[in-house]
Amino acid sequence: MIPRDVRQRLNEAHAAGDYRPLLALIPYAGLIGIECERRGDELLFRLPANPDNVGNPLLPAIHGGVIAGFMELSAALYLLIYSESVSIPKIIDFSIDYLRAGHLRDTFAHCQLWRQGRRVTNVAITAWQADRDTPIATARAHFKIEPEKPLK
């Protein structure tokens, strides 16, 4: 069950289009610096360039775990905002394909709901930097959800 105060913050954030109060509830979101912005019906997630997120200082490139964490958290937030689940989505499976180095610059992510069943939801996530048509990683995530009404 989503706690009442979290549900209230979620509703207020979605109504205002300002997701900072919601992100403030998630310590990892603050650690890596994730941001969320609504553009029409679409949510755009942003991971600002931050030297603390570098895994390869020679390139410099963002650590692969930070990219994966950013994408997984983006998918979970996407479902939390748009699904009608009565609980916080729980990750079942996450699979990522790294396509090219994520250099030290702003990184963006877009989520797309592939399938929402009664208990499991599939989400595709694409991350890119300079050009949306040149992704640095793609991922698939499966989440356990609880329907609003009990199943028979």
N, C-alpha and C. Protein backbone atom coordinates (compact mmCIF):
# COMPACT_ATOMS: atom_id res chain seq x y z
N MET A 1 0.83 -1.17 0.00
CA MET A 1 0.00 0.00 0.00
C MET A 1 0.89 1.25 0.00
N ILE A 2 0.56 2.21 -0.82
CA ILE A 2 1.31 3.46 -0.85
C ILE A 2 0.85 4.30 0.34
N PRO A 3 1.79 4.72 1.20
CA PRO A 3 1.40 5.54 2.35
C PRO A 3 0.63 6.79 1.90
N ARG A 4 -0.30 7.21 2.73
CA ARG A 4 -1.18 8.33 2.40
C ARG A 4 -0.40 9.61 2.08
N ASP A 5 0.64 9.91 2.87
CA ASP A 5 1.40 11.14 2.62
C ASP A 5 2.17 11.07 1.30
N VAL A 6 2.65 9.88 0.95
CA VAL A 6 3.34 9.71 -0.33
C VAL A 6 2.35 9.86 -1.48
N ARG A 7 1.18 9.26 -1.34
CA ARG A 7 0.14 9.38 -2.38
C ARG A 7 -0.25 10.85 -2.56
N GLN A 8 -0.35 11.60 -1.44
CA GLN A 8 -0.71 13.01 -1.53
C GLN A 8 0.38 13.80 -2.25
N ARG A 9 1.64 13.55 -1.91
CA ARG A 9 2.75 14.23 -2.59
C ARG A 9 2.78 13.88 -4.08
N LEU A 10 2.50 12.62 -4.37
CA LEU A 10 2.46 12.16 -5.76
C LEU A 10 1.38 12.90 -6.54
N ASN A 11 0.18 12.99 -5.98
CA ASN A 11 -0.91 13.69 -6.64
C ASN A 11 -0.61 15.18 -6.83
N GLU A 12 -0.05 15.80 -5.79
CA GLU A 12 0.30 17.22 -5.88
C GLU A 12 1.39 17.46 -6.92
N ALA A 13 2.39 16.59 -6.94
CA ALA A 13 3.49 16.71 -7.90
C ALA A 13 2.98 16.56 -9.32
N HIS A 14 2.10 15.59 -9.53
CA HIS A 14 1.58 15.36 -10.86
C HIS A 14 0.68 16.51 -11.31
N ALA A 15 -0.11 17.06 -10.41
CA ALA A 15 -0.99 18.18 -10.75
C ALA A 15 -0.18 19.43 -11.10
N ALA A 16 0.90 19.66 -10.36
CA ALA A 16 1.72 20.85 -10.58
C ALA A 16 2.77 20.64 -11.67
N GLY A 17 3.07 19.38 -11.99
CA GLY A 17 4.13 19.11 -12.96
C GLY A 17 5.52 19.29 -12.38
N ASP A 18 5.62 19.37 -11.05
CA ASP A 18 6.89 19.55 -10.36
C ASP A 18 7.13 18.31 -9.49
N TYR A 19 8.09 17.49 -9.89
CA TYR A 19 8.30 16.21 -9.21
C TYR A 19 9.43 16.26 -8.19
N ARG A 20 10.00 17.42 -7.92
CA ARG A 20 11.07 17.53 -6.93
C ARG A 20 10.66 17.07 -5.54
N PRO A 21 9.45 17.43 -5.04
CA PRO A 21 9.06 16.93 -3.71
C PRO A 21 8.96 15.41 -3.65
N LEU A 22 8.54 14.80 -4.74
CA LEU A 22 8.46 13.34 -4.81
C LEU A 22 9.85 12.72 -4.83
N LEU A 23 10.75 13.29 -5.64
CA LEU A 23 12.12 12.78 -5.72
C LEU A 23 12.87 12.95 -4.40
N ALA A 24 12.48 13.95 -3.62
CA ALA A 24 13.14 14.17 -2.33
C ALA A 24 12.89 13.03 -1.35
N LEU A 25 11.86 12.22 -1.60
CA LEU A 25 11.56 11.07 -0.75
C LEU A 25 12.47 9.87 -1.03
N ILE A 26 13.25 9.93 -2.12
CA ILE A 26 14.06 8.80 -2.55
C ILE A 26 15.54 9.17 -2.40
N PRO A 27 16.23 8.63 -1.40
CA PRO A 27 17.62 9.01 -1.17
C PRO A 27 18.54 8.77 -2.38
N TYR A 28 18.36 7.67 -3.09
CA TYR A 28 19.22 7.38 -4.25
C TYR A 28 19.03 8.42 -5.35
N ALA A 29 17.81 8.91 -5.51
CA ALA A 29 17.54 9.95 -6.51
C ALA A 29 18.36 11.20 -6.19
N GLY A 30 18.45 11.53 -4.92
CA GLY A 30 19.25 12.68 -4.50
C GLY A 30 20.74 12.42 -4.66
N LEU A 31 21.16 11.19 -4.40
CA LEU A 31 22.58 10.85 -4.49
C LEU A 31 23.11 11.00 -5.91
N ILE A 32 22.37 10.48 -6.90
CA ILE A 32 22.85 10.59 -8.28
C ILE A 32 22.36 11.86 -8.96
N GLY A 33 21.35 12.53 -8.40
CA GLY A 33 20.90 13.82 -8.91
C GLY A 33 19.80 13.76 -9.95
N ILE A 34 19.01 12.69 -9.98
CA ILE A 34 17.97 12.53 -11.00
C ILE A 34 16.94 13.65 -10.93
N GLU A 35 16.48 14.07 -12.11
CA GLU A 35 15.42 15.08 -12.22
C GLU A 35 14.33 14.54 -13.13
N CYS A 36 13.14 15.08 -12.99
CA CYS A 36 12.00 14.61 -13.79
C CYS A 36 11.19 15.83 -14.24
N GLU A 37 10.83 15.81 -15.51
CA GLU A 37 10.07 16.92 -16.08
C GLU A 37 8.96 16.37 -16.97
N ARG A 38 7.80 16.95 -16.88
CA ARG A 38 6.69 16.52 -17.73
C ARG A 38 6.63 17.43 -18.95
N ARG A 39 6.58 16.79 -20.13
CA ARG A 39 6.42 17.52 -21.39
C ARG A 39 5.18 16.97 -22.07
N GLY A 40 4.08 17.66 -21.89
CA GLY A 40 2.80 17.16 -22.39
C GLY A 40 2.40 15.93 -21.60
N ASP A 41 2.17 14.83 -22.30
CA ASP A 41 1.83 13.57 -21.64
C ASP A 41 3.06 12.72 -21.35
N GLU A 42 4.23 13.20 -21.72
CA GLU A 42 5.46 12.43 -21.59
C GLU A 42 6.27 12.90 -20.38
N LEU A 43 6.91 11.94 -19.72
CA LEU A 43 7.86 12.27 -18.66
C LEU A 43 9.26 12.13 -19.22
N LEU A 44 10.10 13.11 -18.95
CA LEU A 44 11.49 13.07 -19.37
C LEU A 44 12.34 13.10 -18.11
N PHE A 45 13.21 12.11 -17.98
CA PHE A 45 14.08 12.02 -16.81
C PHE A 45 15.47 12.51 -17.22
N ARG A 46 16.14 13.20 -16.29
CA ARG A 46 17.46 13.76 -16.58
C ARG A 46 18.42 13.42 -15.46
N LEU A 47 19.60 13.01 -15.85
CA LEU A 47 20.70 12.78 -14.92
C LEU A 47 21.76 13.82 -15.26
N PRO A 48 21.85 14.90 -14.48
CA PRO A 48 22.82 15.96 -14.79
C PRO A 48 24.26 15.44 -14.69
N ALA A 49 25.13 16.01 -15.50
CA ALA A 49 26.54 15.65 -15.45
C ALA A 49 27.07 15.93 -14.04
N ASN A 50 27.70 14.92 -13.45
CA ASN A 50 28.20 15.05 -12.08
C ASN A 50 29.48 14.22 -11.97
N PRO A 51 30.60 14.83 -11.64
CA PRO A 51 31.86 14.08 -11.52
C PRO A 51 31.79 12.93 -10.51
N ASP A 52 30.89 13.00 -9.53
CA ASP A 52 30.74 11.92 -8.56
C ASP A 52 30.17 10.65 -9.19
N ASN A 53 29.55 10.75 -10.37
CA ASN A 53 28.97 9.59 -11.04
C ASN A 53 29.92 8.95 -12.04
N VAL A 54 31.16 9.43 -12.12
CA VAL A 54 32.13 8.91 -13.09
C VAL A 54 32.67 7.56 -12.62
N GLY A 55 32.72 6.62 -13.56
CA GLY A 55 33.30 5.31 -13.28
C GLY A 55 34.64 5.14 -13.97
N ASN A 56 34.82 5.77 -15.13
CA ASN A 56 36.07 5.72 -15.88
C ASN A 56 36.60 7.14 -16.02
N PRO A 57 37.57 7.52 -15.18
CA PRO A 57 38.06 8.89 -15.23
C PRO A 57 38.90 9.19 -16.46
N LEU A 58 39.34 8.19 -17.21
CA LEU A 58 40.16 8.43 -18.39
C LEU A 58 39.35 9.02 -19.53
N LEU A 59 38.08 8.60 -19.68
CA LEU A 59 37.28 9.11 -20.81
C LEU A 59 36.78 10.53 -20.58
N PRO A 60 36.25 11.01 -19.58
CA PRO A 60 35.58 10.38 -18.44
C PRO A 60 34.18 9.89 -18.84
N ALA A 61 33.77 8.78 -18.22
CA ALA A 61 32.47 8.19 -18.51
C ALA A 61 31.72 7.88 -17.22
N ILE A 62 30.41 7.97 -17.30
CA ILE A 62 29.55 7.66 -16.16
C ILE A 62 29.63 6.16 -15.87
N HIS A 63 29.63 5.82 -14.61
CA HIS A 63 29.67 4.42 -14.19
C HIS A 63 28.44 3.69 -14.72
N GLY A 64 28.63 2.49 -15.23
CA GLY A 64 27.52 1.71 -15.77
C GLY A 64 26.43 1.44 -14.75
N GLY A 65 26.80 1.26 -13.50
CA GLY A 65 25.82 1.03 -12.44
C GLY A 65 24.96 2.26 -12.20
N VAL A 66 25.54 3.44 -12.36
CA VAL A 66 24.77 4.68 -12.20
C VAL A 66 23.77 4.81 -13.35
N ILE A 67 24.21 4.47 -14.57
CA ILE A 67 23.31 4.52 -15.72
C ILE A 67 22.16 3.54 -15.51
N ALA A 68 22.47 2.32 -15.09
CA ALA A 68 21.43 1.31 -14.85
C ALA A 68 20.50 1.75 -13.73
N GLY A 69 21.04 2.27 -12.65
CA GLY A 69 20.22 2.75 -11.54
C GLY A 69 19.31 3.90 -11.96
N PHE A 70 19.85 4.80 -12.77
CA PHE A 70 19.07 5.91 -13.30
C PHE A 70 17.90 5.41 -14.14
N MET A 71 18.17 4.43 -14.99
CA MET A 71 17.12 3.91 -15.88
C MET A 71 16.07 3.12 -15.09
N GLU A 72 16.51 2.31 -14.14
CA GLU A 72 15.57 1.54 -13.32
C GLU A 72 14.69 2.46 -12.49
N LEU A 73 15.30 3.45 -11.87
CA LEU A 73 14.53 4.40 -11.06
C LEU A 73 13.57 5.22 -11.92
N SER A 74 13.99 5.56 -13.13
CA SER A 74 13.11 6.27 -14.05
C SER A 74 11.87 5.44 -14.36
N ALA A 75 12.07 4.15 -14.62
CA ALA A 75 10.93 3.26 -14.93
C ALA A 75 10.00 3.13 -13.72
N ALA A 76 10.56 2.98 -12.53
CA ALA A 76 9.75 2.86 -11.32
C ALA A 76 8.94 4.13 -11.08
N LEU A 77 9.57 5.29 -11.25
CA LEU A 77 8.86 6.56 -11.08
C LEU A 77 7.78 6.73 -12.14
N TYR A 78 8.08 6.34 -13.36
CA TYR A 78 7.11 6.41 -14.44
C TYR A 78 5.85 5.61 -14.08
N LEU A 79 6.06 4.40 -13.59
CA LEU A 79 4.91 3.57 -13.19
C LEU A 79 4.19 4.14 -11.98
N LEU A 80 4.95 4.64 -11.03
CA LEU A 80 4.34 5.21 -9.83
C LEU A 80 3.44 6.39 -10.20
N ILE A 81 3.87 7.18 -11.16
CA ILE A 81 3.10 8.36 -11.56
C ILE A 81 1.91 8.00 -12.43
N TYR A 82 2.11 7.06 -13.37
CA TYR A 82 1.06 6.80 -14.36
C TYR A 82 0.21 5.55 -14.12
N SER A 83 0.66 4.62 -13.33
CA SER A 83 -0.14 3.41 -13.14
C SER A 83 -1.19 3.65 -12.06
N GLU A 84 -2.15 2.77 -12.00
CA GLU A 84 -3.20 2.87 -10.98
C GLU A 84 -3.01 1.80 -9.92
N SER A 85 -1.77 1.43 -9.69
CA SER A 85 -1.45 0.44 -8.68
C SER A 85 -1.63 1.06 -7.29
N VAL A 86 -2.08 0.25 -6.35
CA VAL A 86 -2.27 0.74 -4.99
C VAL A 86 -0.99 0.61 -4.16
N SER A 87 0.05 0.02 -4.75
CA SER A 87 1.32 -0.12 -4.05
C SER A 87 2.45 0.42 -4.92
N ILE A 88 3.58 0.62 -4.30
CA ILE A 88 4.76 1.05 -5.04
C ILE A 88 5.22 -0.11 -5.90
N PRO A 89 5.46 0.12 -7.21
CA PRO A 89 5.91 -0.98 -8.08
C PRO A 89 7.20 -1.61 -7.57
N LYS A 90 7.24 -2.94 -7.60
CA LYS A 90 8.42 -3.68 -7.11
C LYS A 90 9.11 -4.33 -8.31
N ILE A 91 10.40 -4.11 -8.40
CA ILE A 91 11.17 -4.63 -9.54
C ILE A 91 11.24 -6.16 -9.46
N ILE A 92 10.97 -6.81 -10.59
CA ILE A 92 11.09 -8.26 -10.71
C ILE A 92 12.35 -8.59 -11.48
N ASP A 93 12.53 -7.90 -12.62
CA ASP A 93 13.63 -8.20 -13.52
C ASP A 93 14.05 -6.92 -14.22
N PHE A 94 15.34 -6.78 -14.46
CA PHE A 94 15.86 -5.63 -15.17
C PHE A 94 16.99 -6.09 -16.07
N SER A 95 16.91 -5.76 -17.34
CA SER A 95 17.92 -6.16 -18.31
C SER A 95 18.35 -4.93 -19.10
N ILE A 96 19.65 -4.70 -19.17
CA ILE A 96 20.15 -3.49 -19.83
C ILE A 96 21.14 -3.86 -20.93
N ASP A 97 21.11 -3.10 -21.99
CA ASP A 97 22.07 -3.22 -23.08
C ASP A 97 22.81 -1.88 -23.17
N TYR A 98 24.12 -1.93 -22.90
CA TYR A 98 24.96 -0.73 -23.03
C TYR A 98 25.38 -0.63 -24.50
N LEU A 99 25.08 0.47 -25.13
CA LEU A 99 25.34 0.62 -26.56
C LEU A 99 26.58 1.45 -26.86
N ARG A 100 26.88 2.39 -26.01
CA ARG A 100 28.08 3.22 -26.18
C ARG A 100 28.39 3.88 -24.84
N ALA A 101 29.56 4.48 -24.72
CA ALA A 101 29.98 5.10 -23.47
C ALA A 101 29.07 6.28 -23.12
N GLY A 102 28.74 6.37 -21.85
CA GLY A 102 27.98 7.52 -21.36
C GLY A 102 28.96 8.55 -20.84
N HIS A 103 29.32 9.50 -21.67
CA HIS A 103 30.32 10.50 -21.29
C HIS A 103 29.78 11.43 -20.21
N LEU A 104 30.67 12.19 -19.64
CA LEU A 104 30.31 13.08 -18.54
C LEU A 104 29.56 14.30 -19.10
N ARG A 105 28.28 14.09 -19.35
CA ARG A 105 27.37 15.16 -19.77
C ARG A 105 25.97 14.75 -19.36
N ASP A 106 25.02 15.64 -19.50
CA ASP A 106 23.65 15.32 -19.11
C ASP A 106 23.15 14.09 -19.88
N THR A 107 22.44 13.22 -19.15
CA THR A 107 21.88 12.00 -19.73
C THR A 107 20.37 12.06 -19.52
N PHE A 108 19.64 11.62 -20.53
CA PHE A 108 18.18 11.66 -20.49
C PHE A 108 17.63 10.25 -20.64
N ALA A 109 16.42 10.05 -20.12
CA ALA A 109 15.75 8.75 -20.26
C ALA A 109 14.28 8.97 -20.55
N HIS A 110 13.77 8.07 -21.36
CA HIS A 110 12.35 8.05 -21.72
C HIS A 110 11.84 6.64 -21.47
N CYS A 111 10.66 6.53 -20.91
CA CYS A 111 10.05 5.22 -20.61
C CYS A 111 8.82 5.02 -21.47
N GLN A 112 8.60 3.78 -21.83
CA GLN A 112 7.42 3.42 -22.62
C GLN A 112 6.83 2.15 -22.02
N LEU A 113 5.54 2.21 -21.74
CA LEU A 113 4.83 1.06 -21.20
C LEU A 113 4.56 0.09 -22.35
N TRP A 114 5.13 -1.12 -22.26
CA TRP A 114 4.92 -2.11 -23.31
C TRP A 114 3.66 -2.92 -23.05
N ARG A 115 3.52 -3.35 -21.81
CA ARG A 115 2.36 -4.17 -21.47
C ARG A 115 2.07 -4.02 -20.00
N GLN A 116 0.80 -3.82 -19.68
CA GLN A 116 0.39 -3.80 -18.29
C GLN A 116 -0.64 -4.89 -18.10
N GLY A 117 -0.24 -5.92 -17.39
CA GLY A 117 -1.15 -6.99 -17.05
C GLY A 117 -1.80 -6.70 -15.72
N ARG A 118 -2.41 -7.72 -15.16
CA ARG A 118 -3.09 -7.53 -13.87
C ARG A 118 -2.10 -7.49 -12.71
N ARG A 119 -0.95 -8.15 -12.87
CA ARG A 119 0.01 -8.18 -11.76
C ARG A 119 1.43 -7.78 -12.18
N VAL A 120 1.72 -7.83 -13.48
CA VAL A 120 3.06 -7.52 -13.96
C VAL A 120 2.99 -6.49 -15.07
N THR A 121 3.92 -5.56 -15.03
CA THR A 121 4.01 -4.51 -16.04
C THR A 121 5.40 -4.53 -16.66
N ASN A 122 5.46 -4.36 -17.98
CA ASN A 122 6.72 -4.33 -18.71
C ASN A 122 6.96 -2.91 -19.21
N VAL A 123 8.16 -2.40 -18.98
CA VAL A 123 8.52 -1.04 -19.38
C VAL A 123 9.82 -1.08 -20.16
N ALA A 124 9.88 -0.33 -21.26
CA ALA A 124 11.11 -0.15 -22.03
C ALA A 124 11.68 1.22 -21.68
N ILE A 125 12.99 1.28 -21.49
CA ILE A 125 13.65 2.52 -21.13
C ILE A 125 14.78 2.77 -22.13
N THR A 126 14.87 4.00 -22.62
CA THR A 126 15.95 4.39 -23.53
C THR A 126 16.68 5.58 -22.91
N ALA A 127 18.00 5.50 -22.87
CA ALA A 127 18.82 6.60 -22.35
C ALA A 127 19.71 7.13 -23.46
N TRP A 128 19.84 8.45 -23.52
CA TRP A 128 20.68 9.08 -24.53
C TRP A 128 21.32 10.33 -23.92
N GLN A 129 22.26 10.90 -24.68
CA GLN A 129 22.90 12.13 -24.22
C GLN A 129 22.66 13.27 -25.22
N ALA A 130 23.48 13.40 -26.22
CA ALA A 130 23.35 14.54 -27.13
C ALA A 130 22.19 14.39 -28.11
N ASP A 131 21.94 13.17 -28.57
CA ASP A 131 20.95 12.94 -29.63
C ASP A 131 20.03 11.80 -29.22
N ARG A 132 18.75 12.08 -29.21
CA ARG A 132 17.77 11.06 -28.81
C ARG A 132 17.81 9.84 -29.72
N ASP A 133 18.20 10.02 -30.97
CA ASP A 133 18.27 8.92 -31.93
C ASP A 133 19.55 8.10 -31.80
N THR A 134 20.43 8.48 -30.88
CA THR A 134 21.67 7.75 -30.64
C THR A 134 21.73 7.37 -29.16
N PRO A 135 21.00 6.34 -28.75
CA PRO A 135 20.97 5.98 -27.33
C PRO A 135 22.30 5.42 -26.84
N ILE A 136 22.57 5.66 -25.56
CA ILE A 136 23.75 5.06 -24.93
C ILE A 136 23.40 3.72 -24.29
N ALA A 137 22.10 3.52 -23.98
CA ALA A 137 21.67 2.26 -23.38
C ALA A 137 20.16 2.10 -23.57
N THR A 138 19.75 0.85 -23.66
CA THR A 138 18.32 0.52 -23.65
C THR A 138 18.12 -0.53 -22.57
N ALA A 139 16.93 -0.57 -22.01
CA ALA A 139 16.66 -1.54 -20.94
C ALA A 139 15.20 -1.96 -20.98
N ARG A 140 14.97 -3.13 -20.37
CA ARG A 140 13.63 -3.65 -20.18
C ARG A 140 13.47 -3.97 -18.70
N ALA A 141 12.35 -3.57 -18.16
CA ALA A 141 12.10 -3.81 -16.74
C ALA A 141 10.72 -4.41 -16.56
N HIS A 142 10.63 -5.35 -15.64
CA HIS A 142 9.34 -5.95 -15.27
C HIS A 142 9.10 -5.61 -13.80
N PHE A 143 7.90 -5.12 -13.54
CA PHE A 143 7.53 -4.72 -12.18
C PHE A 143 6.29 -5.46 -11.74
N LYS A 144 6.25 -5.79 -10.46
CA LYS A 144 5.04 -6.35 -9.85
C LYS A 144 4.20 -5.17 -9.40
N ILE A 145 2.93 -5.21 -9.77
CA ILE A 145 2.01 -4.16 -9.36
C ILE A 145 0.82 -4.81 -8.66
N GLU A 146 0.10 -4.02 -7.91
CA GLU A 146 -1.14 -4.50 -7.29
C GLU A 146 -2.28 -3.71 -7.88
N PRO A 147 -3.26 -4.40 -8.46
CA PRO A 147 -4.39 -3.69 -9.06
C PRO A 147 -5.18 -2.93 -8.00
N GLU A 148 -5.88 -1.90 -8.48
CA GLU A 148 -6.68 -1.09 -7.56
C GLU A 148 -7.78 -1.88 -6.90
N LYS A 149 -8.37 -2.79 -7.65
CA LYS A 149 -9.44 -3.63 -7.09
C LYS A 149 -8.92 -5.06 -6.96
N PRO A 150 -9.29 -5.76 -5.89
CA PRO A 150 -8.82 -7.14 -5.72
C PRO A 150 -9.29 -8.04 -6.87
N LEU A 151 -8.42 -8.98 -7.24
CA LEU A 151 -8.76 -9.93 -8.29
C LEU A 151 -9.67 -11.02 -7.73
N LYS A 152 -10.53 -11.55 -8.55
CA LYS A 152 -11.42 -12.64 -8.10
C LYS A 152 -10.72 -13.97 -8.22
